[in-house]
Amino acid sequence: MNERDFFNERQETKRVTYVCPHCRARAEYEVRWLRRTKKSTLPPSANEQDRQRFARARDYMVRVDDVLVCRRCRKRFDIPNFQSVVFV
């Protein structure tokens, strides 16, 4: 079974303030995240190994955006945060 069979997915946006490394302008940006919540029941076609993986699974979020565009100078910059997965 694939990991996607254990989770429901939906997209979220969070407002975060970043400083552009080129022009030093501070602005708020919308960063997209993919929230994966554990399903309430295991799919019926699961075997014993899938049951163990499902028992250990927990909700988490994955950041979709890695690059932002500055609103002032229009240059692209990487999100200066190393955190791309967050367990909820």
PDB file of N, CA and C in Angstrom:
ATOM      1  N   MET A   1       0.832  -1.193   0.000  1.00  0.00           N
ATOM      2  CA  MET A   1       0.000   0.000   0.000  1.00  0.00           C
ATOM      3  C   MET A   1       0.869   1.246   0.000  1.00  0.00           C
ATOM      4  N   ASN A   2       0.346   2.267  -0.594  1.00  0.00           N
ATOM      5  CA  ASN A   2       1.033   3.544  -0.650  1.00  0.00           C
ATOM      6  C   ASN A   2       0.700   4.369   0.595  1.00  0.00           C
ATOM      7  N   GLU A   3       1.581   5.270   0.951  1.00  0.00           N
ATOM      8  CA  GLU A   3       1.354   6.107   2.140  1.00  0.00           C
ATOM      9  C   GLU A   3       0.122   6.989   1.972  1.00  0.00           C
ATOM     10  N   ARG A   4      -0.187   7.378   0.766  1.00  0.00           N
ATOM     11  CA  ARG A   4      -1.353   8.230   0.522  1.00  0.00           C
ATOM     12  C   ARG A   4      -2.664   7.544   0.873  1.00  0.00           C
ATOM     13  N   ASP A   5      -2.663   6.220   0.914  1.00  0.00           N
ATOM     14  CA  ASP A   5      -3.879   5.484   1.283  1.00  0.00           C
ATOM     15  C   ASP A   5      -4.213   5.648   2.760  1.00  0.00           C
ATOM     16  N   PHE A   6      -3.251   6.063   3.578  1.00  0.00           N
ATOM     17  CA  PHE A   6      -3.455   6.225   5.018  1.00  0.00           C
ATOM     18  C   PHE A   6      -3.917   7.632   5.408  1.00  0.00           C
ATOM     19  N   PHE A   7      -3.782   8.608   4.498  1.00  0.00           N
ATOM     20  CA  PHE A   7      -4.011  10.006   4.851  1.00  0.00           C
ATOM     21  C   PHE A   7      -5.011  10.685   3.927  1.00  0.00           C
ATOM     22  N   ASN A   8      -5.695  11.695   4.480  1.00  0.00           N
ATOM     23  CA  ASN A   8      -6.490  12.633   3.700  1.00  0.00           C
ATOM     24  C   ASN A   8      -5.629  13.874   3.519  1.00  0.00           C
ATOM     25  N   GLU A   9      -5.605  14.429   2.306  1.00  0.00           N
ATOM     26  CA  GLU A   9      -4.765  15.590   2.013  1.00  0.00           C
ATOM     27  C   GLU A   9      -5.628  16.804   1.712  1.00  0.00           C
ATOM     28  N   ARG A  10      -5.145  17.972   2.175  1.00  0.00           N
ATOM     29  CA  ARG A  10      -5.770  19.230   1.770  1.00  0.00           C
ATOM     30  C   ARG A  10      -4.729  20.330   1.867  1.00  0.00           C
ATOM     31  N   GLN A  11      -4.877  21.351   1.024  1.00  0.00           N
ATOM     32  CA  GLN A  11      -3.906  22.437   0.996  1.00  0.00           C
ATOM     33  C   GLN A  11      -4.324  23.550   1.936  1.00  0.00           C
ATOM     34  N   GLU A  12      -3.316  24.175   2.564  1.00  0.00           N
ATOM     35  CA  GLU A  12      -3.523  25.317   3.440  1.00  0.00           C
ATOM     36  C   GLU A  12      -2.513  26.395   3.079  1.00  0.00           C
ATOM     37  N   THR A  13      -2.846  27.636   3.410  1.00  0.00           N
ATOM     38  CA  THR A  13      -1.883  28.718   3.258  1.00  0.00           C
ATOM     39  C   THR A  13      -1.689  29.381   4.604  1.00  0.00           C
ATOM     40  N   LYS A  14      -0.462  29.739   4.887  1.00  0.00           N
ATOM     41  CA  LYS A  14      -0.123  30.420   6.137  1.00  0.00           C
ATOM     42  C   LYS A  14       0.602  31.711   5.785  1.00  0.00           C
ATOM     43  N   ARG A  15       0.290  32.780   6.515  1.00  0.00           N
ATOM     44  CA  ARG A  15       0.960  34.068   6.312  1.00  0.00           C
ATOM     45  C   ARG A  15       2.199  34.125   7.197  1.00  0.00           C
ATOM     46  N   VAL A  16       3.334  34.427   6.562  1.00  0.00           N
ATOM     47  CA  VAL A  16       4.610  34.470   7.260  1.00  0.00           C
ATOM     48  C   VAL A  16       5.360  35.713   6.802  1.00  0.00           C
ATOM     49  N   THR A  17       6.077  36.342   7.725  1.00  0.00           N
ATOM     50  CA  THR A  17       6.872  37.520   7.396  1.00  0.00           C
ATOM     51  C   THR A  17       8.314  37.113   7.139  1.00  0.00           C
ATOM     52  N   TYR A  18       8.850  37.520   5.973  1.00  0.00           N
ATOM     53  CA  TYR A  18      10.238  37.254   5.606  1.00  0.00           C
ATOM     54  C   TYR A  18      10.901  38.544   5.160  1.00  0.00           C
ATOM     55  N   VAL A  19      12.218  38.553   5.230  1.00  0.00           N
ATOM     56  CA  VAL A  19      13.013  39.690   4.770  1.00  0.00           C
ATOM     57  C   VAL A  19      13.751  39.252   3.509  1.00  0.00           C
ATOM     58  N   CYS A  20      13.635  40.037   2.456  1.00  0.00           N
ATOM     59  CA  CYS A  20      14.310  39.739   1.198  1.00  0.00           C
ATOM     60  C   CYS A  20      15.817  39.898   1.394  1.00  0.00           C
ATOM     61  N   PRO A  21      16.623  38.913   1.026  1.00  0.00           N
ATOM     62  CA  PRO A  21      18.074  39.041   1.202  1.00  0.00           C
ATOM     63  C   PRO A  21      18.725  40.009   0.210  1.00  0.00           C
ATOM     64  N   HIS A  22      18.019  40.410  -0.854  1.00  0.00           N
ATOM     65  CA  HIS A  22      18.580  41.302  -1.857  1.00  0.00           C
ATOM     66  C   HIS A  22      18.366  42.777  -1.499  1.00  0.00           C
ATOM     67  N   CYS A  23      17.116  43.154  -1.202  1.00  0.00           N
ATOM     68  CA  CYS A  23      16.808  44.563  -0.945  1.00  0.00           C
ATOM     69  C   CYS A  23      16.485  44.841   0.517  1.00  0.00           C
ATOM     70  N   ARG A  24      16.475  43.821   1.361  1.00  0.00           N
ATOM     71  CA  ARG A  24      16.216  43.935   2.806  1.00  0.00           C
ATOM     72  C   ARG A  24      14.818  44.448   3.138  1.00  0.00           C
ATOM     73  N   ALA A  25      13.867  44.275   2.230  1.00  0.00           N
ATOM     74  CA  ALA A  25      12.487  44.694   2.475  1.00  0.00           C
ATOM     75  C   ALA A  25      11.751  43.585   3.221  1.00  0.00           C
ATOM     76  N   ARG A  26      10.997  43.968   4.240  1.00  0.00           N
ATOM     77  CA  ARG A  26      10.211  43.017   5.026  1.00  0.00           C
ATOM     78  C   ARG A  26       8.782  43.020   4.492  1.00  0.00           C
ATOM     79  N   ALA A  27       8.239  41.820   4.277  1.00  0.00           N
ATOM     80  CA  ALA A  27       6.875  41.709   3.760  1.00  0.00           C
ATOM     81  C   ALA A  27       6.267  40.394   4.227  1.00  0.00           C
ATOM     82  N   GLU A  28       4.939  40.334   4.163  1.00  0.00           N
ATOM     83  CA  GLU A  28       4.232  39.105   4.495  1.00  0.00           C
ATOM     84  C   GLU A  28       3.958  38.343   3.205  1.00  0.00           C
ATOM     85  N   TYR A  29       4.159  37.038   3.278  1.00  0.00           N
ATOM     86  CA  TYR A  29       3.952  36.170   2.125  1.00  0.00           C
ATOM     87  C   TYR A  29       3.020  35.032   2.508  1.00  0.00           C
ATOM     88  N   GLU A  30       2.299  34.526   1.517  1.00  0.00           N
ATOM     89  CA  GLU A  30       1.442  33.361   1.706  1.00  0.00           C
ATOM     90  C   GLU A  30       2.253  32.133   1.303  1.00  0.00           C
ATOM     91  N   VAL A  31       2.473  31.227   2.238  1.00  0.00           N
ATOM     92  CA  VAL A  31       3.223  30.003   1.973  1.00  0.00           C
ATOM     93  C   VAL A  31       2.235  28.840   1.977  1.00  0.00           C
ATOM     94  N   ARG A  32       2.298  28.022   0.927  1.00  0.00           N
ATOM     95  CA  ARG A  32       1.372  26.890   0.792  1.00  0.00           C
ATOM     96  C   ARG A  32       1.928  25.667   1.515  1.00  0.00           C
ATOM     97  N   TRP A  33       1.050  24.972   2.230  1.00  0.00           N
ATOM     98  CA  TRP A  33       1.376  23.743   2.935  1.00  0.00           C
ATOM     99  C   TRP A  33       0.375  22.684   2.531  1.00  0.00           C
ATOM    100  N   LEU A  34       0.783  21.424   2.576  1.00  0.00           N
ATOM    101  CA  LEU A  34      -0.092  20.293   2.334  1.00  0.00           C
ATOM    102  C   LEU A  34      -0.277  19.574   3.660  1.00  0.00           C
ATOM    103  N   ARG A  35      -1.499  19.614   4.196  1.00  0.00           N
ATOM    104  CA  ARG A  35      -1.790  18.970   5.486  1.00  0.00           C
ATOM    105  C   ARG A  35      -2.297  17.560   5.230  1.00  0.00           C
ATOM    106  N   ARG A  36      -1.632  16.592   5.860  1.00  0.00           N
ATOM    107  CA  ARG A  36      -2.043  15.189   5.756  1.00  0.00           C
ATOM    108  C   ARG A  36      -2.537  14.721   7.112  1.00  0.00           C
ATOM    109  N   THR A  37      -3.832  14.382   7.169  1.00  0.00           N
ATOM    110  CA  THR A  37      -4.427  13.897   8.407  1.00  0.00           C
ATOM    111  C   THR A  37      -4.723  12.409   8.258  1.00  0.00           C
ATOM    112  N   LYS A  38      -4.464  11.680   9.309  1.00  0.00           N
ATOM    113  CA  LYS A  38      -4.625  10.227   9.309  1.00  0.00           C
ATOM    114  C   LYS A  38      -6.100   9.874   9.186  1.00  0.00           C
ATOM    115  N   LYS A  39      -6.399   8.908   8.342  1.00  0.00           N
ATOM    116  CA  LYS A  39      -7.778   8.454   8.191  1.00  0.00           C
ATOM    117  C   LYS A  39      -8.226   7.740   9.453  1.00  0.00           C
ATOM    118  N   SER A  40      -9.520   7.699   9.673  1.00  0.00           N
ATOM    119  CA  SER A  40     -10.037   7.082  10.899  1.00  0.00           C
ATOM    120  C   SER A  40      -9.947   5.561  10.867  1.00  0.00           C
ATOM    121  N   THR A  41     -10.055   4.970   9.682  1.00  0.00           N
ATOM    122  CA  THR A  41      -9.984   3.509   9.577  1.00  0.00           C
ATOM    123  C   THR A  41      -8.966   3.110   8.520  1.00  0.00           C
ATOM    124  N   LEU A  42      -8.453   1.932   8.683  1.00  0.00           N
ATOM    125  CA  LEU A  42      -7.496   1.363   7.747  1.00  0.00           C
ATOM    126  C   LEU A  42      -8.231   0.825   6.521  1.00  0.00           C
ATOM    127  N   PRO A  43      -7.685   1.001   5.314  1.00  0.00           N
ATOM    128  CA  PRO A  43      -8.335   0.430   4.123  1.00  0.00           C
ATOM    129  C   PRO A  43      -8.445  -1.091   4.237  1.00  0.00           C
ATOM    130  N   PRO A  44      -9.498  -1.700   3.714  1.00  0.00           N
ATOM    131  CA  PRO A  44      -9.728  -3.137   3.903  1.00  0.00           C
ATOM    132  C   PRO A  44      -8.702  -4.041   3.228  1.00  0.00           C
ATOM    133  N   SER A  45      -7.970  -3.555   2.242  1.00  0.00           N
ATOM    134  CA  SER A  45      -7.008  -4.408   1.533  1.00  0.00           C
ATOM    135  C   SER A  45      -5.630  -4.423   2.190  1.00  0.00           C
ATOM    136  N   ALA A  46      -5.527  -3.996   3.439  1.00  0.00           N
ATOM    137  CA  ALA A  46      -4.236  -3.895   4.121  1.00  0.00           C
ATOM    138  C   ALA A  46      -3.799  -5.242   4.687  1.00  0.00           C
ATOM    139  N   ASN A  47      -2.476  -5.466   4.647  1.00  0.00           N
ATOM    140  CA  ASN A  47      -1.929  -6.678   5.260  1.00  0.00           C
ATOM    141  C   ASN A  47      -1.342  -6.318   6.628  1.00  0.00           C
ATOM    142  N   GLU A  48      -0.649  -7.256   7.254  1.00  0.00           N
ATOM    143  CA  GLU A  48      -0.141  -7.031   8.624  1.00  0.00           C
ATOM    144  C   GLU A  48       0.917  -5.924   8.668  1.00  0.00           C
ATOM    145  N   GLN A  49       1.777  -5.872   7.659  1.00  0.00           N
ATOM    146  CA  GLN A  49       2.798  -4.827   7.622  1.00  0.00           C
ATOM    147  C   GLN A  49       2.155  -3.443   7.474  1.00  0.00           C
ATOM    148  N   ASP A  50       1.109  -3.340   6.666  1.00  0.00           N
ATOM    149  CA  ASP A  50       0.384  -2.079   6.509  1.00  0.00           C
ATOM    150  C   ASP A  50      -0.308  -1.677   7.803  1.00  0.00           C
ATOM    151  N   ARG A  51      -0.811  -2.632   8.566  1.00  0.00           N
ATOM    152  CA  ARG A  51      -1.444  -2.321   9.856  1.00  0.00           C
ATOM    153  C   ARG A  51      -0.439  -1.714  10.839  1.00  0.00           C
ATOM    154  N   GLN A  52       0.790  -2.219  10.829  1.00  0.00           N
ATOM    155  CA  GLN A  52       1.820  -1.670  11.707  1.00  0.00           C
ATOM    156  C   GLN A  52       2.205  -0.258  11.282  1.00  0.00           C
ATOM    157  N   ARG A  53       2.337  -0.040   9.969  1.00  0.00           N
ATOM    158  CA  ARG A  53       2.650   1.305   9.476  1.00  0.00           C
ATOM    159  C   ARG A  53       1.529   2.283   9.797  1.00  0.00           C
ATOM    160  N   PHE A  54       0.275   1.830   9.687  1.00  0.00           N
ATOM    161  CA  PHE A  54      -0.867   2.692   9.980  1.00  0.00           C
ATOM    162  C   PHE A  54      -0.922   3.051  11.466  1.00  0.00           C
ATOM    163  N   ALA A  55      -0.551   2.115  12.329  1.00  0.00           N
ATOM    164  CA  ALA A  55      -0.561   2.377  13.773  1.00  0.00           C
ATOM    165  C   ALA A  55       0.484   3.433  14.148  1.00  0.00           C
ATOM    166  N   ARG A  56       1.615   3.461  13.452  1.00  0.00           N
ATOM    167  CA  ARG A  56       2.670   4.439  13.744  1.00  0.00           C
ATOM    168  C   ARG A  56       2.446   5.781  13.064  1.00  0.00           C
ATOM    169  N   ALA A  57       1.581   5.839  12.083  1.00  0.00           N
ATOM    170  CA  ALA A  57       1.361   7.068  11.312  1.00  0.00           C
ATOM    171  C   ALA A  57       0.725   8.145  12.180  1.00  0.00           C
ATOM    172  N   ARG A  58       1.099   9.419  11.908  1.00  0.00           N
ATOM    173  CA  ARG A  58       0.482  10.550  12.607  1.00  0.00           C
ATOM    174  C   ARG A  58       0.370  11.733  11.655  1.00  0.00           C
ATOM    175  N   ASP A  59      -0.441  12.706  12.024  1.00  0.00           N
ATOM    176  CA  ASP A  59      -0.710  13.864  11.171  1.00  0.00           C
ATOM    177  C   ASP A  59       0.557  14.698  10.995  1.00  0.00           C
ATOM    178  N   TYR A  60       0.701  15.265   9.766  1.00  0.00           N
ATOM    179  CA  TYR A  60       1.840  16.147   9.517  1.00  0.00           C
ATOM    180  C   TYR A  60       1.522  17.092   8.368  1.00  0.00           C
ATOM    181  N   MET A  61       2.383  18.101   8.219  1.00  0.00           N
ATOM    182  CA  MET A  61       2.257  19.086   7.154  1.00  0.00           C
ATOM    183  C   MET A  61       3.563  19.142   6.371  1.00  0.00           C
ATOM    184  N   VAL A  62       3.453  19.304   5.043  1.00  0.00           N
ATOM    185  CA  VAL A  62       4.613  19.406   4.165  1.00  0.00           C
ATOM    186  C   VAL A  62       4.524  20.743   3.446  1.00  0.00           C
ATOM    187  N   ARG A  63       5.640  21.501   3.448  1.00  0.00           N
ATOM    188  CA  ARG A  63       5.643  22.792   2.766  1.00  0.00           C
ATOM    189  C   ARG A  63       5.755  22.569   1.263  1.00  0.00           C
ATOM    190  N   VAL A  64       4.881  23.212   0.496  1.00  0.00           N
ATOM    191  CA  VAL A  64       4.856  23.083  -0.952  1.00  0.00           C
ATOM    192  C   VAL A  64       5.787  24.109  -1.594  1.00  0.00           C
ATOM    193  N   ASP A  65       5.756  25.346  -1.121  1.00  0.00           N
ATOM    194  CA  ASP A  65       6.573  26.416  -1.693  1.00  0.00           C
ATOM    195  C   ASP A  65       7.985  26.379  -1.128  1.00  0.00           C
ATOM    196  N   ASP A  66       8.973  26.490  -2.003  1.00  0.00           N
ATOM    197  CA  ASP A  66      10.363  26.581  -1.579  1.00  0.00           C
ATOM    198  C   ASP A  66      10.982  27.920  -1.926  1.00  0.00           C
ATOM    199  N   VAL A  67      10.382  28.619  -2.885  1.00  0.00           N
ATOM    200  CA  VAL A  67      10.926  29.886  -3.367  1.00  0.00           C
ATOM    201  C   VAL A  67       9.826  30.938  -3.337  1.00  0.00           C
ATOM    202  N   LEU A  68      10.186  32.151  -2.938  1.00  0.00           N
ATOM    203  CA  LEU A  68       9.262  33.283  -2.937  1.00  0.00           C
ATOM    204  C   LEU A  68       9.801  34.383  -3.839  1.00  0.00           C
ATOM    205  N   VAL A  69       8.928  35.289  -4.279  1.00  0.00           N
ATOM    206  CA  VAL A  69       9.322  36.427  -5.098  1.00  0.00           C
ATOM    207  C   VAL A  69       9.111  37.684  -4.268  1.00  0.00           C
ATOM    208  N   CYS A  70      10.155  38.496  -4.164  1.00  0.00           N
ATOM    209  CA  CYS A  70      10.085  39.736  -3.378  1.00  0.00           C
ATOM    210  C   CYS A  70       9.074  40.677  -4.013  1.00  0.00           C
ATOM    211  N   ARG A  71       8.289  41.322  -3.181  1.00  0.00           N
ATOM    212  CA  ARG A  71       7.261  42.237  -3.684  1.00  0.00           C
ATOM    213  C   ARG A  71       7.842  43.584  -4.089  1.00  0.00           C
ATOM    214  N   ARG A  72       9.027  43.883  -3.612  1.00  0.00           N
ATOM    215  CA  ARG A  72       9.630  45.176  -3.926  1.00  0.00           C
ATOM    216  C   ARG A  72      10.580  45.095  -5.125  1.00  0.00           C
ATOM    217  N   CYS A  73      11.568  44.200  -5.065  1.00  0.00           N
ATOM    218  CA  CYS A  73      12.565  44.133  -6.140  1.00  0.00           C
ATOM    219  C   CYS A  73      12.280  43.026  -7.157  1.00  0.00           C
ATOM    220  N   ARG A  74      11.282  42.173  -6.917  1.00  0.00           N
ATOM    221  CA  ARG A  74      10.843  41.108  -7.819  1.00  0.00           C
ATOM    222  C   ARG A  74      11.893  40.010  -8.042  1.00  0.00           C
ATOM    223  N   LYS A  75      12.859  39.904  -7.165  1.00  0.00           N
ATOM    224  CA  LYS A  75      13.845  38.833  -7.271  1.00  0.00           C
ATOM    225  C   LYS A  75      13.368  37.629  -6.465  1.00  0.00           C
ATOM    226  N   ARG A  76      13.759  36.448  -6.926  1.00  0.00           N
ATOM    227  CA  ARG A  76      13.371  35.218  -6.238  1.00  0.00           C
ATOM    228  C   ARG A  76      14.379  34.918  -5.136  1.00  0.00           C
ATOM    229  N   PHE A  77      13.873  34.384  -4.020  1.00  0.00           N
ATOM    230  CA  PHE A  77      14.751  33.945  -2.942  1.00  0.00           C
ATOM    231  C   PHE A  77      14.164  32.717  -2.273  1.00  0.00           C
ATOM    232  N   ASP A  78      15.069  31.871  -1.755  1.00  0.00           N
ATOM    233  CA  ASP A  78      14.643  30.659  -1.061  1.00  0.00           C
ATOM    234  C   ASP A  78      14.054  31.017   0.289  1.00  0.00           C
ATOM    235  N   ILE A  79      13.109  30.227   0.730  1.00  0.00           N
ATOM    236  CA  ILE A  79      12.564  30.419   2.067  1.00  0.00           C
ATOM    237  C   ILE A  79      13.680  30.083   3.052  1.00  0.00           C
ATOM    238  N   PRO A  80      14.049  31.017   3.924  1.00  0.00           N
ATOM    239  CA  PRO A  80      15.231  30.819   4.777  1.00  0.00           C
ATOM    240  C   PRO A  80      15.012  29.863   5.936  1.00  0.00           C
ATOM    241  N   ASN A  81      14.011  29.065   5.886  1.00  0.00           N
ATOM    242  CA  ASN A  81      13.670  28.140   6.955  1.00  0.00           C
ATOM    243  C   ASN A  81      13.973  26.722   6.484  1.00  0.00           C
ATOM    244  N   PHE A  82      14.680  25.940   7.275  1.00  0.00           N
ATOM    245  CA  PHE A  82      15.007  24.576   6.897  1.00  0.00           C
ATOM    246  C   PHE A  82      13.872  23.608   7.188  1.00  0.00           C
ATOM    247  N   GLN A  83      12.835  24.075   7.840  1.00  0.00           N
ATOM    248  CA  GLN A  83      11.740  23.215   8.254  1.00  0.00           C
ATOM    249  C   GLN A  83      10.741  23.068   7.107  1.00  0.00           C
ATOM    250  N   SER A  84      10.671  21.892   6.511  1.00  0.00           N
ATOM    251  CA  SER A  84       9.730  21.674   5.426  1.00  0.00           C
ATOM    252  C   SER A  84       8.655  20.656   5.801  1.00  0.00           C
ATOM    253  N   VAL A  85       8.850  19.951   6.928  1.00  0.00           N
ATOM    254  CA  VAL A  85       7.848  19.009   7.428  1.00  0.00           C
ATOM    255  C   VAL A  85       7.587  19.331   8.899  1.00  0.00           C
ATOM    256  N   VAL A  86       6.297  19.422   9.257  1.00  0.00           N
ATOM    257  CA  VAL A  86       5.913  19.727  10.626  1.00  0.00           C
ATOM    258  C   VAL A  86       4.922  18.667  11.094  1.00  0.00           C
ATOM    259  N   PHE A  87       5.199  18.023  12.217  1.00  0.00           N
ATOM    260  CA  PHE A  87       4.253  17.076  12.784  1.00  0.00           C
ATOM    261  C   PHE A  87       3.262  17.841  13.640  1.00  0.00           C
ATOM    262  N   VAL A  88       1.969  17.540  13.437  1.00  0.00           N
ATOM    263  CA  VAL A  88       0.918  18.263  14.147  1.00  0.00           C
ATOM    264  C   VAL A  88       0.435  17.454  15.318  1.00  0.00           C
TER     265      VAL A  88
END
